[in-house]
Amino acid sequence: MSNKTFLQVALAKDNILMSLALFSVFLIAGLYTLLGVGMSMSSLEMTRMSGVFSLPSASSSMHGNMEMGQMDDMEMGNEHAKNSMHSEKNQVRNNTDIPTMNKPVDMSMVDEAWSIKHSAMMFLMWFFMMIAMMVPSASPVLLLFFQLKKMGQQAEKAVAYTYLFLLGYLISWGIFSGIACTMQLFLENANLANAMMMQLKSPEMAGALVISAGIYQFTPLKQACLKHCRSPAEFLARSSRKGATGACFTGIHHGMYCLGCCWALMALLFVGGVMNLYWIVGLAIYVIIEKASAFIRWIDKLSGALLVLGGFVLLVT
């Protein structure tokens, strides 16, 4: 099977409907992320508050003065301040209509905020965000898989098998979404992340994460996974399985390669803000370029070097 460009495959007459279906999946996931369904703020509101390059310490300072004032009052033995804080916590517990983003985040509020319902909504937020970010870069392999199945003995099932391939691919990113959601819960409970901005509080931790993501760009695992993502025809010729179950497992297989290629980049959302549209769109565009630009083989190395440099800047500022 020859390597065709994404544009050649997408514009093929019999692939237009499949291209529209993939675009619909992207559009639904993108709107879900944009509106911040189930969250206290939409992505637009979060982005407006965060800006493009807001540092973790900057977002924390938005309510830091309020928290510091309360801590000082407590240390001075001001009983009135203690009673006010206690009353405030009770009000939050008794009135779920008051968004927690308007209150100082403490451990009791974080614990309550992560109810089963909120945890489910947080997982869906991560999952739909990953769909919106990753489906565009996975479209070439999905369309090539569709084309390959149409040339096989079960051409009439090509559409169904392609959807099963997509399902398997999304299962891989669903696993990542569960891990990311759990990590966010841990960071918030440990008071290491700002629950309101969904961002690391410490510039030192943020810098270390950015440096780690940069170093990962040079690792053999990253390079191996990126090679598979850049050669979808080669991957399908070697790894495609027969039948409905085979289609789903092929999707999972490719999804794992994609996950191995991009997980460290996705973790950078904890630095810029999980729902910050600048970071979401920027990372998604970069992933597309990195996978599609096999002829610019140094782009992953360049981004890695820039990330390491940016991480050190965070550490020293």
Protein backbone atom coordinates (compact mmCIF):
# COMPACT_ATOMS: atom_id res chain seq x y z
CA MET A 1 0.00 0.00 0.00
CA SER A 2 1.57 3.25 -1.12
CA ASN A 3 1.89 6.27 1.09
CA LYS A 4 -0.68 8.86 0.03
CA THR A 5 -0.98 12.34 1.40
CA PHE A 6 -3.84 13.09 3.76
CA LEU A 7 -5.34 15.52 1.23
CA GLN A 8 -5.33 12.90 -1.54
CA VAL A 9 -7.09 10.38 0.66
CA ALA A 10 -9.59 12.83 2.18
CA LEU A 11 -10.64 14.21 -1.21
CA ALA A 12 -11.19 10.79 -2.78
CA LYS A 13 -14.81 10.56 -3.87
CA ASP A 14 -15.71 7.55 -1.72
CA ASN A 15 -13.98 9.00 1.37
CA ILE A 16 -15.92 12.25 1.60
CA LEU A 17 -18.67 10.82 3.81
CA MET A 18 -16.12 9.26 6.14
CA SER A 19 -14.24 12.56 6.30
CA LEU A 20 -17.49 14.31 7.23
CA ALA A 21 -18.16 11.72 9.92
CA LEU A 22 -14.73 12.30 11.45
CA PHE A 23 -15.27 16.03 11.27
CA SER A 24 -18.59 15.59 13.11
CA VAL A 25 -16.84 13.69 15.91
CA PHE A 26 -14.25 16.46 16.16
CA LEU A 27 -16.94 19.16 16.10
CA ILE A 28 -19.04 17.58 18.87
CA ALA A 29 -15.98 17.03 21.08
CA GLY A 30 -14.74 20.55 20.35
CA LEU A 31 -18.06 22.14 21.30
CA TYR A 32 -18.22 20.06 24.48
CA THR A 33 -14.76 21.29 25.44
CA LEU A 34 -15.47 24.88 24.43
CA LEU A 35 -18.65 25.07 26.51
CA GLY A 36 -17.04 23.35 29.51
CA VAL A 37 -20.08 21.12 30.04
CA GLY A 38 -20.45 20.28 33.73
CA MET A 39 -17.63 22.61 34.78
CA SER A 40 -17.98 25.78 36.85
CA MET A 41 -16.57 27.81 33.94
CA SER A 42 -16.49 27.38 30.18
CA SER A 43 -13.18 27.14 28.35
CA LEU A 44 -13.72 30.64 27.04
CA GLU A 45 -14.07 32.04 30.57
CA MET A 46 -11.08 30.03 31.78
CA THR A 47 -8.97 31.25 28.86
CA ARG A 48 -10.01 34.86 29.41
CA MET A 49 -8.89 34.64 33.04
CA SER A 50 -5.67 32.76 32.31
CA GLY A 51 -4.34 34.52 29.24
CA VAL A 52 -1.77 32.92 26.95
CA PHE A 53 1.35 32.54 29.07
CA SER A 54 0.08 32.88 32.63
CA LEU A 55 2.51 31.41 35.14
CA PRO A 56 1.18 29.07 37.83
CA SER A 57 1.99 31.61 40.53
CA ALA A 58 0.05 34.28 38.68
CA SER A 59 -3.16 32.28 38.66
CA SER A 60 -2.77 31.36 42.28
CA SER A 61 -2.46 35.01 43.22
CA MET A 62 -5.97 35.72 41.99
CA HIS A 63 -7.34 34.61 45.30
CA GLY A 64 -4.07 34.45 47.19
CA ASN A 65 -4.63 37.76 48.99
CA MET A 66 -7.94 36.53 50.36
CA GLU A 67 -6.36 33.32 51.63
CA MET A 68 -3.39 35.15 53.16
CA GLY A 69 -5.71 37.56 54.95
CA GLN A 70 -7.66 34.69 56.45
CA MET A 71 -4.47 32.91 57.54
CA ASP A 72 -3.18 36.07 59.23
CA ASP A 73 -6.44 36.54 61.10
CA MET A 74 -6.32 32.96 62.33
CA GLU A 75 -2.74 33.30 63.48
CA MET A 76 -3.64 36.44 65.46
CA GLY A 77 -6.38 34.54 67.24
CA ASN A 78 -9.21 36.49 65.67
CA GLU A 79 -12.24 34.38 66.52
CA HIS A 80 -14.48 36.44 64.30
CA ALA A 81 -12.42 35.49 61.25
CA LYS A 82 -12.57 31.83 62.25
CA ASN A 83 -16.32 31.95 62.61
CA SER A 84 -16.63 33.69 59.25
CA MET A 85 -14.59 30.99 57.55
CA HIS A 86 -16.62 28.28 59.24
CA SER A 87 -19.85 29.95 58.13
CA GLU A 88 -18.50 30.29 54.61
CA LYS A 89 -17.68 26.58 54.42
CA ASN A 90 -21.14 25.65 55.68
CA GLN A 91 -22.71 27.89 53.08
CA VAL A 92 -20.78 26.11 50.33
CA ARG A 93 -21.83 22.71 51.69
CA ASN A 94 -25.50 23.68 51.94
CA ASN A 95 -25.82 25.60 48.69
CA THR A 96 -24.42 23.78 45.70
CA ASP A 97 -25.54 26.60 43.42
CA ILE A 98 -22.65 28.80 44.64
CA PRO A 99 -19.64 28.08 42.39
CA THR A 100 -16.54 27.11 44.34
CA MET A 101 -14.40 29.25 42.03
CA ASN A 102 -15.54 32.30 44.02
CA LYS A 103 -14.24 30.86 47.32
CA PRO A 104 -10.77 30.17 48.64
CA VAL A 105 -9.98 26.52 47.93
CA ASP A 106 -9.28 24.47 51.04
CA MET A 107 -9.05 20.73 51.56
CA SER A 108 -12.60 20.23 52.76
CA MET A 109 -13.98 22.03 49.71
CA VAL A 110 -11.74 20.07 47.33
CA ASP A 111 -12.84 16.77 48.88
CA GLU A 112 -16.49 17.68 48.51
CA ALA A 113 -16.05 19.06 45.00
CA TRP A 114 -14.74 15.67 43.83
CA SER A 115 -18.02 13.85 44.29
CA ILE A 116 -18.83 10.91 42.03
CA LYS A 117 -20.81 13.19 39.74
CA HIS A 118 -18.09 15.83 39.57
CA SER A 119 -15.42 13.17 39.00
CA ALA A 120 -17.45 11.75 36.12
CA MET A 121 -17.83 15.21 34.60
CA MET A 122 -14.12 15.87 35.03
CA PHE A 123 -13.29 12.59 33.26
CA LEU A 124 -15.65 13.48 30.40
CA MET A 125 -14.04 16.91 30.17
CA TRP A 126 -10.61 15.30 29.75
CA PHE A 127 -11.94 12.63 27.37
CA PHE A 128 -13.80 14.97 25.02
CA MET A 129 -10.84 17.34 25.08
CA MET A 130 -8.53 14.50 24.00
CA ILE A 131 -10.97 13.55 21.23
CA ALA A 132 -11.01 17.13 19.94
CA MET A 133 -7.21 17.36 20.11
CA MET A 134 -6.26 13.95 18.72
CA VAL A 135 -8.88 12.98 16.10
CA PRO A 136 -7.57 15.54 13.54
CA SER A 137 -4.05 14.08 13.73
CA ALA A 138 -5.46 10.53 13.56
CA SER A 139 -7.61 11.23 10.49
CA PRO A 140 -4.98 10.04 7.95
CA VAL A 141 -4.71 6.57 9.46
CA LEU A 142 -8.50 6.32 9.88
CA LEU A 143 -9.10 7.20 6.22
CA LEU A 144 -6.36 4.86 5.05
CA PHE A 145 -7.84 2.08 7.17
CA PHE A 146 -11.23 2.75 5.55
CA GLN A 147 -9.66 2.62 2.10
CA LEU A 148 -7.83 -0.62 2.90
CA LYS A 149 -11.01 -2.31 4.14
CA LYS A 150 -12.90 -1.27 1.01
CA MET A 151 -10.36 -3.18 -1.08
CA GLY A 152 -10.74 -6.32 1.05
CA GLN A 153 -13.19 -9.20 0.98
CA GLN A 154 -15.64 -7.48 3.35
CA ALA A 155 -15.85 -4.13 1.61
CA GLU A 156 -19.50 -3.73 2.64
CA LYS A 157 -18.39 -3.57 6.29
CA ALA A 158 -15.66 -0.98 5.71
CA VAL A 159 -17.63 1.82 7.37
CA ALA A 160 -18.53 -0.26 10.44
CA TYR A 161 -14.97 -1.50 10.82
CA THR A 162 -13.62 2.05 10.57
CA TYR A 163 -15.92 3.16 13.37
CA LEU A 164 -14.68 0.23 15.44
CA PHE A 165 -11.11 1.27 14.68
CA LEU A 166 -11.98 4.77 15.90
CA LEU A 167 -13.59 3.28 19.01
CA GLY A 168 -10.39 1.37 19.79
CA TYR A 169 -8.32 4.49 19.22
CA LEU A 170 -10.51 6.47 21.61
CA ILE A 171 -10.32 3.69 24.23
CA SER A 172 -6.57 4.32 24.41
CA TRP A 173 -7.14 8.02 25.04
CA GLY A 174 -9.92 7.18 27.47
CA ILE A 175 -7.30 5.36 29.54
CA PHE A 176 -5.11 8.46 29.44
CA SER A 177 -8.10 10.63 30.42
CA GLY A 178 -8.73 8.44 33.47
CA ILE A 179 -5.08 8.72 34.53
CA ALA A 180 -5.05 12.49 33.95
CA CYS A 181 -8.28 12.92 35.91
CA THR A 182 -6.85 10.89 38.80
CA MET A 183 -3.65 12.94 38.71
CA GLN A 184 -5.67 16.14 38.84
CA LEU A 185 -7.53 14.86 41.90
CA PHE A 186 -4.23 13.99 43.59
CA LEU A 187 -2.68 17.38 42.82
CA GLU A 188 -5.71 19.29 44.10
CA ASN A 189 -6.01 17.21 47.26
CA ALA A 190 -2.29 17.70 47.90
CA ASN A 191 -2.81 21.47 47.42
CA LEU A 192 -0.33 21.41 44.54
CA ALA A 193 -2.82 22.55 41.89
CA ASN A 194 -5.22 25.47 41.75
CA ALA A 195 -8.70 23.91 41.68
CA MET A 196 -10.23 26.98 40.09
CA MET A 197 -7.72 27.38 37.25
CA MET A 198 -6.85 23.64 36.98
CA GLN A 199 -3.19 24.60 36.94
CA LEU A 200 -0.10 23.75 38.97
CA LYS A 201 0.51 26.28 41.73
CA SER A 202 4.27 25.98 41.86
CA PRO A 203 6.46 27.45 39.08
CA GLU A 204 9.13 24.98 40.16
CA MET A 205 6.83 22.00 39.57
CA ALA A 206 5.63 23.51 36.29
CA GLY A 207 9.22 24.07 35.17
CA ALA A 208 10.19 20.50 36.07
CA LEU A 209 7.21 19.17 34.09
CA VAL A 210 8.08 21.27 31.03
CA ILE A 211 11.72 20.12 31.19
CA SER A 212 10.61 16.49 31.51
CA ALA A 213 8.34 16.85 28.47
CA GLY A 214 11.25 18.36 26.54
CA ILE A 215 13.63 15.55 27.48
CA TYR A 216 10.99 12.97 26.51
CA GLN A 217 11.09 14.32 22.95
CA PHE A 218 14.60 12.84 22.62
CA THR A 219 13.88 9.40 24.10
CA PRO A 220 13.84 6.18 22.01
CA LEU A 221 10.23 5.50 23.07
CA LYS A 222 9.09 8.87 21.72
CA GLN A 223 10.99 8.34 18.48
CA ALA A 224 9.62 4.82 17.98
CA CYS A 225 6.03 5.91 18.57
CA LEU A 226 6.42 8.99 16.38
CA LYS A 227 7.78 6.83 13.56
CA HIS A 228 4.63 4.69 13.61
CA CYS A 229 2.38 7.76 13.72
CA ARG A 230 4.18 9.26 10.75
CA SER A 231 3.80 6.09 8.65
CA PRO A 232 0.12 5.08 8.85
CA ALA A 233 0.25 2.99 5.66
CA GLU A 234 3.21 1.02 6.94
CA PHE A 235 1.51 0.52 10.31
CA LEU A 236 -1.72 -0.77 8.73
CA ALA A 237 0.11 -3.07 6.31
CA ARG A 238 1.85 -4.70 9.27
CA SER A 239 -0.70 -4.52 12.07
CA SER A 240 -4.20 -4.62 10.56
CA ARG A 241 -6.33 -7.49 11.90
CA LYS A 242 -9.38 -9.17 10.42
CA GLY A 243 -12.98 -8.86 11.55
CA ALA A 244 -14.80 -6.49 13.87
CA THR A 245 -12.75 -7.38 16.94
CA GLY A 246 -9.57 -7.06 14.90
CA ALA A 247 -10.57 -3.58 13.76
CA CYS A 248 -11.11 -2.44 17.34
CA PHE A 249 -7.82 -3.93 18.53
CA THR A 250 -5.99 -2.34 15.60
CA GLY A 251 -7.40 1.00 16.74
CA ILE A 252 -6.25 0.35 20.30
CA HIS A 253 -2.81 -0.63 18.98
CA HIS A 254 -2.47 2.58 17.00
CA GLY A 255 -3.89 4.58 19.90
CA MET A 256 -1.19 3.25 22.19
CA TYR A 257 1.49 4.37 19.76
CA CYS A 258 -0.20 7.77 19.58
CA LEU A 259 -0.40 7.88 23.37
CA GLY A 260 3.28 7.01 23.67
CA CYS A 261 4.06 9.82 21.25
CA CYS A 262 1.97 12.56 22.83
CA TRP A 263 1.25 11.89 26.51
CA ALA A 264 4.03 14.17 27.78
CA LEU A 265 2.81 17.01 25.57
CA MET A 266 -0.75 16.56 26.86
CA ALA A 267 0.57 16.72 30.44
CA LEU A 268 1.65 20.30 29.71
CA LEU A 269 -2.02 21.28 30.09
CA PHE A 270 -1.35 21.21 33.85
CA VAL A 271 1.13 24.04 33.26
CA GLY A 272 -0.99 26.34 31.10
CA GLY A 273 -4.37 25.42 32.55
CA VAL A 274 -6.30 22.27 31.68
CA MET A 275 -9.10 24.19 29.96
CA ASN A 276 -6.98 27.00 28.51
CA LEU A 277 -7.92 27.19 24.82
CA TYR A 278 -4.59 28.72 23.83
CA TRP A 279 -2.80 25.63 25.12
CA ILE A 280 -5.43 23.18 23.84
CA VAL A 281 -5.38 24.57 20.29
CA GLY A 282 -1.63 25.14 20.32
CA LEU A 283 -0.82 21.59 21.39
CA ALA A 284 -3.33 20.11 18.93
CA ILE A 285 -1.82 22.05 16.02
CA TYR A 286 1.70 21.09 17.06
CA VAL A 287 0.75 17.38 17.24
CA ILE A 288 -0.68 17.55 13.71
CA ILE A 289 2.48 19.22 12.41
CA GLU A 290 4.80 16.83 14.23
CA LYS A 291 3.04 13.75 12.86
CA ALA A 292 2.51 15.06 9.34
CA SER A 293 5.95 16.60 8.88
CA ALA A 294 7.99 13.45 8.41
CA PHE A 295 10.20 15.45 6.04
CA ILE A 296 11.03 17.87 8.87
CA ARG A 297 12.48 15.21 11.15
CA TRP A 298 14.16 17.73 13.40
CA ILE A 299 10.92 19.40 14.47
CA ASP A 300 10.46 17.09 17.48
CA LYS A 301 14.05 17.72 18.56
CA LEU A 302 13.61 21.47 18.17
CA SER A 303 10.43 21.46 20.24
CA GLY A 304 12.18 19.35 22.87
CA ALA A 305 15.05 21.82 23.11
CA LEU A 306 12.62 24.74 23.36
CA LEU A 307 10.65 22.99 26.10
CA VAL A 308 13.79 22.33 28.13
CA LEU A 309 14.80 25.97 27.74
CA GLY A 310 11.31 27.16 28.69
CA GLY A 311 11.30 24.90 31.73
CA PHE A 312 14.54 26.42 32.99
CA VAL A 313 13.08 29.89 32.47
CA LEU A 314 10.15 28.92 34.69
CA LEU A 315 12.54 27.65 37.34
CA VAL A 316 14.57 30.85 37.54
CA THR A 317 11.71 33.40 37.29
